[in-house]
Amino acid sequence: MKNQEPQKIDVEKNPLGISFSKSKKVRKYFDENTFLWSKETTPGPVIGNKATLYTTSKRAMDLIKLEEQKILIDIEKKIKIKLNSLDVQIENNQQ
């Protein structure tokens, strides 16, 4: 008989590609910064090198897309995470 040990699950390597440690750092970054649109957004998961932001308004979505490069550079300077883009999505609370 083979002696099989239980396999330890690595949270950072999951089939969805979500990086939980990066997601936690990005959430902390957005919680500490006060942008004009910060009260209208919620940080989501980091999948690969793309951070997700959920927003409640089209205006905030447009502002984030306009300032995307500035935000990405600031994230890289402050928390030392290189992200390629921000995925901004409208929350669907009407379910």
Protein backbone atom coordinates (compact mmCIF):
# COMPACT_ATOMS: atom_id res chain seq x y z
CA MET A 1 0.00 0.00 0.00
CA LYS A 2 1.09 3.49 -0.72
CA ASN A 3 1.41 5.88 2.15
CA GLN A 4 -0.36 9.00 0.93
CA GLU A 5 -0.02 12.17 2.92
CA PRO A 6 -2.72 14.81 2.63
CA GLN A 7 -1.78 17.49 0.15
CA LYS A 8 -1.51 21.00 1.54
CA ILE A 9 -3.64 23.50 -0.33
CA ASP A 10 -1.83 26.61 -1.49
CA VAL A 11 -4.27 29.52 -1.39
CA GLU A 12 -2.25 31.58 -3.85
CA LYS A 13 -2.44 28.88 -6.53
CA ASN A 14 -6.09 28.41 -7.32
CA PRO A 15 -7.90 27.62 -10.57
CA LEU A 16 -9.40 31.11 -10.80
CA GLY A 17 -6.03 32.87 -10.66
CA ILE A 18 -6.99 35.10 -7.73
CA SER A 19 -4.04 36.45 -5.74
CA PHE A 20 -5.33 36.82 -2.20
CA SER A 21 -2.23 38.53 -0.82
CA LYS A 22 -2.25 41.14 -3.62
CA SER A 23 -6.01 41.60 -3.20
CA LYS A 24 -5.55 42.32 0.49
CA LYS A 25 -2.82 44.90 -0.20
CA VAL A 26 -4.86 46.61 -2.93
CA ARG A 27 -7.94 46.73 -0.66
CA LYS A 28 -5.83 48.36 2.07
CA TYR A 29 -4.45 50.87 -0.47
CA PHE A 30 -7.94 51.96 -1.57
CA ASP A 31 -9.22 52.08 2.02
CA GLU A 32 -6.38 54.41 3.09
CA ASN A 33 -6.55 56.78 0.10
CA THR A 34 -9.24 59.39 -0.33
CA PHE A 35 -10.07 59.88 -3.97
CA LEU A 36 -13.09 61.90 -5.06
CA TRP A 37 -14.81 58.66 -6.03
CA SER A 38 -13.57 56.44 -3.16
CA LYS A 39 -16.92 56.39 -1.30
CA GLU A 40 -18.60 55.02 -4.42
CA THR A 41 -16.24 52.08 -4.98
CA THR A 42 -15.38 48.73 -3.45
CA PRO A 43 -12.10 46.95 -4.24
CA GLY A 44 -12.49 43.43 -5.59
CA PRO A 45 -10.02 40.61 -6.22
CA VAL A 46 -6.72 40.82 -8.10
CA ILE A 47 -6.83 38.25 -10.90
CA GLY A 48 -3.47 37.81 -12.56
CA ASN A 49 -2.19 41.37 -12.94
CA LYS A 50 -5.61 43.02 -13.14
CA ALA A 51 -7.31 44.61 -10.12
CA THR A 52 -11.09 44.73 -10.02
CA LEU A 53 -13.05 47.70 -8.68
CA TYR A 54 -16.81 47.69 -8.20
CA THR A 55 -18.63 51.00 -8.34
CA THR A 56 -22.19 52.17 -7.92
CA SER A 57 -22.15 54.99 -10.47
CA LYS A 58 -21.24 55.55 -14.09
CA ARG A 59 -19.59 58.86 -13.14
CA ALA A 60 -17.13 57.12 -10.78
CA MET A 61 -16.44 54.50 -13.43
CA ASP A 62 -15.52 57.20 -15.96
CA LEU A 63 -13.28 59.01 -13.44
CA ILE A 64 -11.41 55.81 -12.58
CA LYS A 65 -10.85 54.96 -16.24
CA LEU A 66 -9.60 58.50 -16.84
CA GLU A 67 -7.08 58.28 -13.96
CA GLU A 68 -6.20 54.58 -14.43
CA GLN A 69 -2.51 55.04 -15.31
CA LYS A 70 -1.97 57.48 -12.44
CA ILE A 71 -3.58 55.03 -10.00
CA LEU A 72 -1.51 52.09 -11.29
CA ILE A 73 1.73 54.07 -10.93
CA ASP A 74 0.76 55.12 -7.39
CA ILE A 75 -0.04 51.50 -6.44
CA GLU A 76 3.32 50.37 -7.76
CA LYS A 77 5.16 53.08 -5.78
CA LYS A 78 3.30 52.65 -2.50
CA ILE A 79 2.65 48.92 -2.18
CA LYS A 80 5.22 47.53 -4.64
CA ILE A 81 2.71 45.60 -6.77
CA LYS A 82 2.88 45.82 -10.57
CA LEU A 83 -0.62 45.76 -12.07
CA ASN A 84 -1.38 45.95 -15.79
CA SER A 85 -4.87 47.38 -15.56
CA LEU A 86 -7.96 48.12 -13.50
CA ASP A 87 -11.20 46.33 -14.32
CA VAL A 88 -14.00 48.71 -13.30
CA GLN A 89 -17.47 47.18 -13.08
CA ILE A 90 -20.87 48.52 -12.11
CA GLU A 91 -22.34 46.73 -9.09
CA ASN A 92 -25.60 44.93 -9.71
CA ASN A 93 -27.58 45.47 -6.51
CA GLN A 94 -30.99 45.09 -8.10
CA GLN A 95 -31.25 41.30 -7.85
